[in-house]
Amino acid sequence: MTVGAVIVGIVLVIVAILYWITPAGSLPGFAPGFEAGSTHIHIKHGVAAFILALALFALAWFKSGPAETGATPPASTN
């Protein structure tokens, strides 16, 4: 799950950059926000993709931490 989150996060960063530098008319036809002949840049689409990428990186970070162990029983005094 950690590796998958990192890979999808990297893809979303690339998508965010694509939205920030590519006019809507030059986006791939399957991309949300594609408008034939438009010169509009979709800043908000890029921000949304970047925020999702950050969330996935945070998920991967927390999942890669040390495993939580249960509470240890109290020591016996016998």
Protein backbone atom coordinates (compact mmCIF):
# COMPACT_ATOMS: atom_id res chain seq x y z
CA MET A 1 0.00 0.00 0.00
CA THR A 2 2.87 2.37 0.76
CA VAL A 3 4.52 1.92 -2.62
CA GLY A 4 1.18 2.33 -4.41
CA ALA A 5 0.45 5.57 -2.56
CA VAL A 6 3.86 6.97 -3.49
CA ILE A 7 3.48 6.00 -7.16
CA VAL A 8 -0.01 7.51 -7.43
CA GLY A 9 1.24 10.60 -5.57
CA ILE A 10 4.06 11.06 -8.09
CA VAL A 11 1.60 10.68 -10.97
CA LEU A 12 -0.67 13.31 -9.39
CA VAL A 13 2.25 15.74 -9.04
CA ILE A 14 2.94 15.28 -12.76
CA VAL A 15 -0.77 15.84 -13.52
CA ALA A 16 -0.73 19.01 -11.39
CA ILE A 17 2.26 20.36 -13.30
CA LEU A 18 0.55 19.46 -16.57
CA TYR A 19 -2.52 21.47 -15.54
CA TRP A 20 -0.38 24.45 -14.49
CA ILE A 21 1.62 24.70 -17.71
CA THR A 22 -0.76 23.43 -20.42
CA PRO A 23 -3.68 25.41 -21.86
CA ALA A 24 -7.07 23.67 -21.75
CA GLY A 25 -7.09 23.26 -25.52
CA SER A 26 -3.79 21.36 -25.44
CA LEU A 27 -4.75 18.90 -22.68
CA PRO A 28 -5.39 15.29 -23.68
CA GLY A 29 -9.02 14.75 -24.72
CA PHE A 30 -9.72 12.43 -21.77
CA ALA A 31 -8.49 14.95 -19.17
CA PRO A 32 -11.10 16.81 -17.14
CA GLY A 33 -11.08 20.46 -18.20
CA PHE A 34 -10.26 19.85 -21.86
CA GLU A 35 -11.81 22.59 -24.00
CA ALA A 36 -10.96 22.55 -27.71
CA GLY A 37 -9.29 25.79 -28.76
CA SER A 38 -9.20 27.25 -25.24
CA THR A 39 -6.11 29.02 -23.90
CA HIS A 40 -7.35 28.92 -20.30
CA ILE A 41 -5.03 27.39 -17.67
CA HIS A 42 -6.74 25.24 -15.01
CA ILE A 43 -4.98 26.38 -11.85
CA LYS A 44 -7.60 24.91 -9.51
CA HIS A 45 -7.42 21.48 -11.18
CA GLY A 46 -3.66 21.52 -10.61
CA VAL A 47 -4.03 22.59 -6.99
CA ALA A 48 -6.55 19.80 -6.36
CA ALA A 49 -4.25 17.19 -7.90
CA PHE A 50 -1.31 18.50 -5.85
CA ILE A 51 -3.29 18.40 -2.58
CA LEU A 52 -4.31 14.80 -3.29
CA ALA A 53 -0.66 13.96 -3.98
CA LEU A 54 0.36 15.47 -0.63
CA ALA A 55 -2.34 13.45 1.13
CA LEU A 56 -1.06 10.24 -0.49
CA PHE A 57 2.53 11.05 0.49
CA ALA A 58 1.36 11.61 4.08
CA LEU A 59 -0.49 8.28 4.01
CA ALA A 60 2.64 6.52 2.75
CA TRP A 61 4.72 8.20 5.45
CA PHE A 62 2.41 7.10 8.25
CA LYS A 63 2.08 3.57 6.86
CA SER A 64 5.86 3.19 6.64
CA GLY A 65 6.39 3.98 10.35
CA PRO A 66 7.18 1.34 12.95
CA ALA A 67 4.44 -1.18 13.69
CA GLU A 68 2.48 -0.42 16.81
CA THR A 69 2.82 -3.04 19.49
CA GLY A 70 0.09 -3.71 21.99
CA ALA A 71 0.32 -2.64 25.61
CA THR A 72 2.75 -4.74 27.64
CA PRO A 73 1.27 -6.55 30.62
CA PRO A 74 2.41 -5.38 34.06
CA ALA A 75 5.32 -7.24 35.58
CA SER A 76 4.49 -9.94 38.08
CA THR A 77 5.75 -9.47 41.67
CA ASN A 78 5.84 -13.17 42.67
